Amino acid sequence: MLDTASSRAEFIDIAARLSAEKSHPIEGFPVLIIREAWQKDVLSNSQDVAVATTISELESAIKEAAVSAIFIPIDCFGSQLLSDILARQSLTKTLFMEASNG
């Protein structure tokens, strides 16, 4: 029997990922831009997506096998700092980055 609550949550998670805007990669990391609050809510609560607001969280998420993607909230890292951190990594994961609305 189909678990509709689980299926609905999975569908919403997929919709959030597919509706993100593709951007230029940063140091080989694919980047998808999140513009909507519902996308942020869904992705930040996904089991395979880590939220990184600090350098330590970002580096740990990149190394964590259970993490397939990383959500970076708005204004957590400057572009040069983010590029420097990512350049030191041997693994790559998809980055979901929250866009500014202005």
Foldseek 3Di string as FASTA:
>chain_A
DDDVVVVVLVVLLVVLVVPFQWDDAQLPATETEHEDPSSVVSQCPDQQEDEDLDLVSVVVLQVDPSHQEYEYEPPSDDSVRVSVSSNPDPGYHHYYYYDDPD
